[in-house]
């Protein structure tokens, strides 16, 4: 099973760029891009609160949980494994 970030989807729904979201949240554009691309090991609750406030959403709108098969079907490659 995989946890997948859906920040890109919510940003598109709100028509918000990384730069705009960084300005509204106070988070760096680099960190927002890492979250958006799923290239992070974890996210602080305080950052999640800032993102949810700025995007007017709930944490469940930003975070999804899917099976390995669903992940591969959606992204076209198998999930990376931490060994």
PDB file of N, CA and C in Angstrom:
ATOM      1  N   UNK A   1       0.845  -1.179   0.000  1.00  0.00           N
ATOM      2  CA  UNK A   1       0.000   0.000   0.000  1.00  0.00           C
ATOM      3  C   UNK A   1       0.892   1.245   0.000  1.00  0.00           C
ATOM      4  N   UNK A   2       0.368   2.286  -0.606  1.00  0.00           N
ATOM      5  CA  UNK A   2       1.121   3.526  -0.768  1.00  0.00           C
ATOM      6  C   UNK A   2       0.297   4.724  -0.328  1.00  0.00           C
ATOM      7  N   UNK A   3       0.976   5.664   0.315  1.00  0.00           N
ATOM      8  CA  UNK A   3       0.367   6.961   0.612  1.00  0.00           C
ATOM      9  C   UNK A   3       0.797   7.907  -0.503  1.00  0.00           C
ATOM     10  N   UNK A   4      -0.161   8.571  -1.102  1.00  0.00           N
ATOM     11  CA  UNK A   4       0.093   9.431  -2.259  1.00  0.00           C
ATOM     12  C   UNK A   4      -0.394  10.838  -1.950  1.00  0.00           C
ATOM     13  N   UNK A   5       0.424  11.817  -2.265  1.00  0.00           N
ATOM     14  CA  UNK A   5       0.042  13.212  -2.087  1.00  0.00           C
ATOM     15  C   UNK A   5      -0.752  13.683  -3.298  1.00  0.00           C
ATOM     16  N   UNK A   6      -1.853  14.387  -3.049  1.00  0.00           N
ATOM     17  CA  UNK A   6      -2.724  14.908  -4.099  1.00  0.00           C
ATOM     18  C   UNK A   6      -2.718  16.437  -4.123  1.00  0.00           C
ATOM     19  N   UNK A   7      -1.622  17.024  -3.664  1.00  0.00           N
ATOM     20  CA  UNK A   7      -1.527  18.477  -3.638  1.00  0.00           C
ATOM     21  C   UNK A   7      -1.684  19.065  -5.035  1.00  0.00           C
ATOM     22  N   UNK A   8      -1.111  18.408  -6.029  1.00  0.00           N
ATOM     23  CA  UNK A   8      -1.207  18.910  -7.397  1.00  0.00           C
ATOM     24  C   UNK A   8      -2.658  18.989  -7.871  1.00  0.00           C
ATOM     25  N   UNK A   9      -3.462  18.017  -7.494  1.00  0.00           N
ATOM     26  CA  UNK A   9      -4.877  18.004  -7.879  1.00  0.00           C
ATOM     27  C   UNK A   9      -5.621  19.166  -7.232  1.00  0.00           C
ATOM     28  N   UNK A  10      -5.389  19.362  -5.930  1.00  0.00           N
ATOM     29  CA  UNK A  10      -6.088  20.439  -5.222  1.00  0.00           C
ATOM     30  C   UNK A  10      -5.628  21.807  -5.716  1.00  0.00           C
ATOM     31  N   UNK A  11      -4.339  21.946  -6.012  1.00  0.00           N
ATOM     32  CA  UNK A  11      -3.841  23.217  -6.552  1.00  0.00           C
ATOM     33  C   UNK A  11      -4.496  23.506  -7.904  1.00  0.00           C
ATOM     34  N   UNK A  12      -4.648  22.492  -8.732  1.00  0.00           N
ATOM     35  CA  UNK A  12      -5.284  22.683 -10.035  1.00  0.00           C
ATOM     36  C   UNK A  12      -6.749  23.074  -9.860  1.00  0.00           C
ATOM     37  N   UNK A  13      -7.447  22.439  -8.923  1.00  0.00           N
ATOM     38  CA  UNK A  13      -8.850  22.780  -8.669  1.00  0.00           C
ATOM     39  C   UNK A  13      -8.995  24.226  -8.215  1.00  0.00           C
ATOM     40  N   UNK A  14      -8.034  24.699  -7.446  1.00  0.00           N
ATOM     41  CA  UNK A  14      -8.079  26.066  -6.923  1.00  0.00           C
ATOM     42  C   UNK A  14      -7.378  27.067  -7.841  1.00  0.00           C
ATOM     43  N   UNK A  15      -6.832  26.551  -8.949  1.00  0.00           N
ATOM     44  CA  UNK A  15      -6.106  27.394  -9.920  1.00  0.00           C
ATOM     45  C   UNK A  15      -5.006  28.194  -9.221  1.00  0.00           C
ATOM     46  N   UNK A  16      -4.200  27.473  -8.444  1.00  0.00           N
ATOM     47  CA  UNK A  16      -3.149  28.108  -7.659  1.00  0.00           C
ATOM     48  C   UNK A  16      -1.780  27.559  -8.079  1.00  0.00           C
ATOM     49  N   UNK A  17      -0.822  28.444  -8.243  1.00  0.00           N
ATOM     50  CA  UNK A  17       0.537  28.041  -8.599  1.00  0.00           C
ATOM     51  C   UNK A  17       1.354  27.775  -7.334  1.00  0.00           C
ATOM     52  N   UNK A  18       2.497  27.163  -7.525  1.00  0.00           N
ATOM     53  CA  UNK A  18       3.416  26.917  -6.409  1.00  0.00           C
ATOM     54  C   UNK A  18       3.812  28.243  -5.771  1.00  0.00           C
ATOM     55  N   UNK A  19       4.094  29.233  -6.584  1.00  0.00           N
ATOM     56  CA  UNK A  19       4.504  30.544  -6.067  1.00  0.00           C
ATOM     57  C   UNK A  19       3.400  31.178  -5.231  1.00  0.00           C
ATOM     58  N   UNK A  20       2.172  31.114  -5.720  1.00  0.00           N
ATOM     59  CA  UNK A  20       1.046  31.674  -4.968  1.00  0.00           C
ATOM     60  C   UNK A  20       0.842  30.935  -3.650  1.00  0.00           C
ATOM     61  N   UNK A  21       0.923  29.605  -3.692  1.00  0.00           N
ATOM     62  CA  UNK A  21       0.729  28.806  -2.484  1.00  0.00           C
ATOM     63  C   UNK A  21       1.850  29.066  -1.479  1.00  0.00           C
ATOM     64  N   UNK A  22       3.066  29.220  -1.968  1.00  0.00           N
ATOM     65  CA  UNK A  22       4.192  29.527  -1.081  1.00  0.00           C
ATOM     66  C   UNK A  22       3.963  30.868  -0.384  1.00  0.00           C
ATOM     67  N   UNK A  23       3.505  31.841  -1.133  1.00  0.00           N
ATOM     68  CA  UNK A  23       3.258  33.174  -0.571  1.00  0.00           C
ATOM     69  C   UNK A  23       2.158  33.124   0.494  1.00  0.00           C
ATOM     70  N   UNK A  24       1.088  32.365   0.225  1.00  0.00           N
ATOM     71  CA  UNK A  24      -0.034  32.280   1.168  1.00  0.00           C
ATOM     72  C   UNK A  24       0.294  31.489   2.423  1.00  0.00           C
ATOM     73  N   UNK A  25       1.132  30.453   2.289  1.00  0.00           N
ATOM     74  CA  UNK A  25       1.407  29.574   3.426  1.00  0.00           C
ATOM     75  C   UNK A  25       2.665  29.950   4.198  1.00  0.00           C
ATOM     76  N   UNK A  26       3.606  30.608   3.532  1.00  0.00           N
ATOM     77  CA  UNK A  26       4.894  30.872   4.161  1.00  0.00           C
ATOM     78  C   UNK A  26       5.855  29.700   4.021  1.00  0.00           C
ATOM     79  N   UNK A  27       5.410  28.642   3.360  1.00  0.00           N
ATOM     80  CA  UNK A  27       6.292  27.512   3.074  1.00  0.00           C
ATOM     81  C   UNK A  27       7.125  27.850   1.847  1.00  0.00           C
ATOM     82  N   UNK A  28       8.301  27.252   1.733  1.00  0.00           N
ATOM     83  CA  UNK A  28       9.139  27.548   0.571  1.00  0.00           C
ATOM     84  C   UNK A  28       8.565  26.867  -0.670  1.00  0.00           C
ATOM     85  N   UNK A  29       8.801  27.483  -1.814  1.00  0.00           N
ATOM     86  CA  UNK A  29       8.358  26.907  -3.081  1.00  0.00           C
ATOM     87  C   UNK A  29       9.000  25.543  -3.301  1.00  0.00           C
ATOM     88  N   UNK A  30      10.239  25.387  -2.862  1.00  0.00           N
ATOM     89  CA  UNK A  30      10.941  24.102  -2.995  1.00  0.00           C
ATOM     90  C   UNK A  30      10.216  23.020  -2.202  1.00  0.00           C
ATOM     91  N   UNK A  31       9.831  23.327  -0.968  1.00  0.00           N
ATOM     92  CA  UNK A  31       9.123  22.328  -0.155  1.00  0.00           C
ATOM     93  C   UNK A  31       7.750  22.009  -0.723  1.00  0.00           C
ATOM     94  N   UNK A  32       7.052  23.006  -1.217  1.00  0.00           N
ATOM     95  CA  UNK A  32       5.744  22.763  -1.825  1.00  0.00           C
ATOM     96  C   UNK A  32       5.898  21.873  -3.051  1.00  0.00           C
ATOM     97  N   UNK A  33       6.913  22.128  -3.855  1.00  0.00           N
ATOM     98  CA  UNK A  33       7.164  21.300  -5.037  1.00  0.00           C
ATOM     99  C   UNK A  33       7.470  19.867  -4.631  1.00  0.00           C
ATOM    100  N   UNK A  34       8.260  19.673  -3.583  1.00  0.00           N
ATOM    101  CA  UNK A  34       8.557  18.316  -3.100  1.00  0.00           C
ATOM    102  C   UNK A  34       7.290  17.606  -2.642  1.00  0.00           C
ATOM    103  N   UNK A  35       6.441  18.317  -1.929  1.00  0.00           N
ATOM    104  CA  UNK A  35       5.179  17.727  -1.475  1.00  0.00           C
ATOM    105  C   UNK A  35       4.312  17.395  -2.683  1.00  0.00           C
ATOM    106  N   UNK A  36       4.213  18.332  -3.600  1.00  0.00           N
ATOM    107  CA  UNK A  36       3.384  18.170  -4.797  1.00  0.00           C
ATOM    108  C   UNK A  36       3.820  16.968  -5.628  1.00  0.00           C
ATOM    109  N   UNK A  37       5.126  16.759  -5.734  1.00  0.00           N
ATOM    110  CA  UNK A  37       5.669  15.667  -6.536  1.00  0.00           C
ATOM    111  C   UNK A  37       5.817  14.361  -5.751  1.00  0.00           C
ATOM    112  N   UNK A  38       5.459  14.373  -4.481  1.00  0.00           N
ATOM    113  CA  UNK A  38       5.560  13.158  -3.670  1.00  0.00           C
ATOM    114  C   UNK A  38       6.980  12.787  -3.305  1.00  0.00           C
ATOM    115  N   UNK A  39       7.882  13.723  -3.378  1.00  0.00           N
ATOM    116  CA  UNK A  39       9.300  13.465  -3.085  1.00  0.00           C
ATOM    117  C   UNK A  39       9.647  13.898  -1.664  1.00  0.00           C
ATOM    118  N   UNK A  40       8.977  13.298  -0.700  1.00  0.00           N
ATOM    119  CA  UNK A  40       9.238  13.633   0.691  1.00  0.00           C
ATOM    120  C   UNK A  40       9.048  12.391   1.543  1.00  0.00           C
ATOM    121  N   UNK A  41       9.684  12.382   2.675  1.00  0.00           N
ATOM    122  CA  UNK A  41       9.565  11.256   3.601  1.00  0.00           C
ATOM    123  C   UNK A  41       8.443  11.470   4.609  1.00  0.00           C
ATOM    124  N   UNK A  42       8.099  12.708   4.840  1.00  0.00           N
ATOM    125  CA  UNK A  42       7.054  13.020   5.805  1.00  0.00           C
ATOM    126  C   UNK A  42       6.630  14.464   5.650  1.00  0.00           C
ATOM    127  N   UNK A  43       5.532  14.791   6.318  1.00  0.00           N
ATOM    128  CA  UNK A  43       5.042  16.164   6.298  1.00  0.00           C
ATOM    129  C   UNK A  43       4.595  16.519   7.708  1.00  0.00           C
ATOM    130  N   UNK A  44       4.959  17.693   8.155  1.00  0.00           N
ATOM    131  CA  UNK A  44       4.563  18.146   9.492  1.00  0.00           C
ATOM    132  C   UNK A  44       3.084  18.515   9.488  1.00  0.00           C
ATOM    133  N   UNK A  45       2.442  18.252  10.608  1.00  0.00           N
ATOM    134  CA  UNK A  45       1.040  18.639  10.733  1.00  0.00           C
ATOM    135  C   UNK A  45       0.882  20.138  10.568  1.00  0.00           C
ATOM    136  N   UNK A  46       1.840  20.912  11.053  1.00  0.00           N
ATOM    137  CA  UNK A  46       1.749  22.368  10.917  1.00  0.00           C
ATOM    138  C   UNK A  46       1.765  22.782   9.441  1.00  0.00           C
ATOM    139  N   UNK A  47       2.548  22.100   8.619  1.00  0.00           N
ATOM    140  CA  UNK A  47       2.567  22.386   7.178  1.00  0.00           C
ATOM    141  C   UNK A  47       1.258  21.963   6.536  1.00  0.00           C
ATOM    142  N   UNK A  48       0.737  20.836   6.963  1.00  0.00           N
ATOM    143  CA  UNK A  48      -0.536  20.349   6.438  1.00  0.00           C
ATOM    144  C   UNK A  48      -1.664  21.330   6.762  1.00  0.00           C
ATOM    145  N   UNK A  49      -1.655  21.879   7.970  1.00  0.00           N
ATOM    146  CA  UNK A  49      -2.659  22.870   8.363  1.00  0.00           C
ATOM    147  C   UNK A  49      -2.555  24.111   7.475  1.00  0.00           C
ATOM    148  N   UNK A  50      -1.340  24.592   7.230  1.00  0.00           N
ATOM    149  CA  UNK A  50      -1.143  25.766   6.377  1.00  0.00           C
ATOM    150  C   UNK A  50      -1.665  25.514   4.967  1.00  0.00           C
ATOM    151  N   UNK A  51      -1.366  24.336   4.424  1.00  0.00           N
ATOM    152  CA  UNK A  51      -1.827  23.991   3.080  1.00  0.00           C
ATOM    153  C   UNK A  51      -3.349  23.906   3.027  1.00  0.00           C
ATOM    154  N   UNK A  52      -3.933  23.253   4.017  1.00  0.00           N
ATOM    155  CA  UNK A  52      -5.393  23.118   4.049  1.00  0.00           C
ATOM    156  C   UNK A  52      -6.075  24.476   4.196  1.00  0.00           C
ATOM    157  N   UNK A  53      -5.525  25.345   5.031  1.00  0.00           N
ATOM    158  CA  UNK A  53      -6.090  26.694   5.192  1.00  0.00           C
ATOM    159  C   UNK A  53      -6.045  27.460   3.868  1.00  0.00           C
ATOM    160  N   UNK A  54      -4.896  27.407   3.196  1.00  0.00           N
ATOM    161  CA  UNK A  54      -4.724  28.165   1.955  1.00  0.00           C
ATOM    162  C   UNK A  54      -5.587  27.609   0.821  1.00  0.00           C
ATOM    163  N   UNK A  55      -5.774  26.286   0.803  1.00  0.00           N
ATOM    164  CA  UNK A  55      -6.521  25.655  -0.283  1.00  0.00           C
ATOM    165  C   UNK A  55      -7.990  25.396   0.072  1.00  0.00           C
ATOM    166  N   UNK A  56      -8.366  25.746   1.304  1.00  0.00           N
ATOM    167  CA  UNK A  56      -9.740  25.543   1.772  1.00  0.00           C
ATOM    168  C   UNK A  56     -10.175  24.091   1.563  1.00  0.00           C
ATOM    169  N   UNK A  57      -9.387  23.187   2.158  1.00  0.00           N
ATOM    170  CA  UNK A  57      -9.677  21.762   2.017  1.00  0.00           C
ATOM    171  C   UNK A  57      -9.364  21.039   3.319  1.00  0.00           C
ATOM    172  N   UNK A  58      -9.571  19.742   3.314  1.00  0.00           N
ATOM    173  CA  UNK A  58      -9.275  18.893   4.461  1.00  0.00           C
ATOM    174  C   UNK A  58      -8.031  18.057   4.155  1.00  0.00           C
ATOM    175  N   UNK A  59      -7.327  17.560   5.177  1.00  0.00           N
ATOM    176  CA  UNK A  59      -6.137  16.731   4.931  1.00  0.00           C
ATOM    177  C   UNK A  59      -6.410  15.557   3.994  1.00  0.00           C
ATOM    178  N   UNK A  60      -7.592  14.975   4.085  1.00  0.00           N
ATOM    179  CA  UNK A  60      -7.939  13.852   3.224  1.00  0.00           C
ATOM    180  C   UNK A  60      -8.030  14.220   1.750  1.00  0.00           C
ATOM    181  N   UNK A  61      -8.177  15.512   1.463  1.00  0.00           N
ATOM    182  CA  UNK A  61      -8.169  15.964   0.073  1.00  0.00           C
ATOM    183  C   UNK A  61      -6.752  15.993  -0.492  1.00  0.00           C
ATOM    184  N   UNK A  62      -5.765  16.055   0.395  1.00  0.00           N
ATOM    185  CA  UNK A  62      -4.365  16.155  -0.023  1.00  0.00           C
ATOM    186  C   UNK A  62      -3.609  14.835   0.048  1.00  0.00           C
ATOM    187  N   UNK A  63      -4.133  13.905   0.833  1.00  0.00           N
ATOM    188  CA  UNK A  63      -3.435  12.634   1.057  1.00  0.00           C
ATOM    189  C   UNK A  63      -4.359  11.483   0.679  1.00  0.00           C
ATOM    190  N   UNK A  64      -3.833  10.545  -0.114  1.00  0.00           N
ATOM    191  CA  UNK A  64      -4.611   9.380  -0.539  1.00  0.00           C
ATOM    192  C   UNK A  64      -3.827   8.120  -0.183  1.00  0.00           C
ATOM    193  N   UNK A  65      -4.533   7.022  -0.112  1.00  0.00           N
ATOM    194  CA  UNK A  65      -3.957   5.729   0.234  1.00  0.00           C
ATOM    195  C   UNK A  65      -4.414   4.738  -0.823  1.00  0.00           C
ATOM    196  N   UNK A  66      -3.483   4.086  -1.509  1.00  0.00           N
ATOM    197  CA  UNK A  66      -3.871   3.169  -2.574  1.00  0.00           C
ATOM    198  C   UNK A  66      -3.006   1.922  -2.577  1.00  0.00           C
ATOM    199  N   UNK A  67      -3.543   0.871  -3.167  1.00  0.00           N
ATOM    200  CA  UNK A  67      -2.806  -0.383  -3.270  1.00  0.00           C
ATOM    201  C   UNK A  67      -1.669  -0.220  -4.276  1.00  0.00           C
ATOM    202  N   UNK A  68      -0.727  -1.142  -4.229  1.00  0.00           N
ATOM    203  CA  UNK A  68       0.382  -1.108  -5.189  1.00  0.00           C
ATOM    204  C   UNK A  68      -0.140  -1.205  -6.621  1.00  0.00           C
ATOM    205  N   UNK A  69      -1.186  -2.002  -6.818  1.00  0.00           N
ATOM    206  CA  UNK A  69      -1.759  -2.161  -8.159  1.00  0.00           C
ATOM    207  C   UNK A  69      -2.396  -0.850  -8.629  1.00  0.00           C
ATOM    208  N   UNK A  70      -3.130  -0.195  -7.738  1.00  0.00           N
ATOM    209  CA  UNK A  70      -3.741   1.095  -8.087  1.00  0.00           C
ATOM    210  C   UNK A  70      -2.662   2.121  -8.406  1.00  0.00           C
ATOM    211  N   UNK A  71      -1.590   2.115  -7.622  1.00  0.00           N
ATOM    212  CA  UNK A  71      -0.484   3.047  -7.833  1.00  0.00           C
ATOM    213  C   UNK A  71       0.116   2.839  -9.222  1.00  0.00           C
ATOM    214  N   UNK A  72       0.424   1.584  -9.547  1.00  0.00           N
ATOM    215  CA  UNK A  72       1.045   1.297 -10.845  1.00  0.00           C
ATOM    216  C   UNK A  72       0.106   1.626 -11.997  1.00  0.00           C
ATOM    217  N   UNK A  73      -1.184   1.364 -11.825  1.00  0.00           N
ATOM    218  CA  UNK A  73      -2.151   1.681 -12.865  1.00  0.00           C
ATOM    219  C   UNK A  73      -2.231   3.197 -13.096  1.00  0.00           C
ATOM    220  N   UNK A  74      -2.210   3.967 -12.009  1.00  0.00           N
ATOM    221  CA  UNK A  74      -2.338   5.417 -12.144  1.00  0.00           C
ATOM    222  C   UNK A  74      -1.065   6.090 -12.641  1.00  0.00           C
ATOM    223  N   UNK A  75       0.098   5.635 -12.132  1.00  0.00           N
ATOM    224  CA  UNK A  75       1.352   6.319 -12.443  1.00  0.00           C
ATOM    225  C   UNK A  75       2.192   5.624 -13.506  1.00  0.00           C
ATOM    226  N   UNK A  76       1.857   4.381 -13.841  1.00  0.00           N
ATOM    227  CA  UNK A  76       2.560   3.689 -14.914  1.00  0.00           C
ATOM    228  C   UNK A  76       3.870   3.038 -14.521  1.00  0.00           C
ATOM    229  N   UNK A  77       4.176   3.010 -13.235  1.00  0.00           N
ATOM    230  CA  UNK A  77       5.385   2.340 -12.749  1.00  0.00           C
ATOM    231  C   UNK A  77       5.117   1.850 -11.326  1.00  0.00           C
ATOM    232  N   UNK A  78       5.853   0.824 -10.893  1.00  0.00           N
ATOM    233  CA  UNK A  78       5.609   0.298  -9.545  1.00  0.00           C
ATOM    234  C   UNK A  78       6.098   1.280  -8.474  1.00  0.00           C
ATOM    235  N   UNK A  79       5.515   1.221  -7.288  1.00  0.00           N
ATOM    236  CA  UNK A  79       5.964   2.109  -6.202  1.00  0.00           C
ATOM    237  C   UNK A  79       7.385   1.767  -5.789  1.00  0.00           C
ATOM    238  N   UNK A  80       8.109   2.801  -5.376  1.00  0.00           N
ATOM    239  CA  UNK A  80       9.465   2.603  -4.867  1.00  0.00           C
ATOM    240  C   UNK A  80       9.400   1.971  -3.502  1.00  0.00           C
ATOM    241  N   UNK A  81      10.333   1.138  -3.212  1.00  0.00           N
ATOM    242  CA  UNK A  81      10.388   0.455  -1.916  1.00  0.00           C
ATOM    243  C   UNK A  81      11.591   0.945  -1.128  1.00  0.00           C
ATOM    244  N   UNK A  82      11.375   1.279   0.145  1.00  0.00           N
ATOM    245  CA  UNK A  82      12.484   1.596   1.039  1.00  0.00           C
ATOM    246  C   UNK A  82      12.989   0.286   1.600  1.00  0.00           C
ATOM    247  N   UNK A  83      14.221   0.005   1.375  1.00  0.00           N
ATOM    248  CA  UNK A  83      14.798  -1.259   1.849  1.00  0.00           C
ATOM    249  C   UNK A  83      15.563  -1.033   3.125  1.00  0.00           C
TER     250      UNK A  83
END
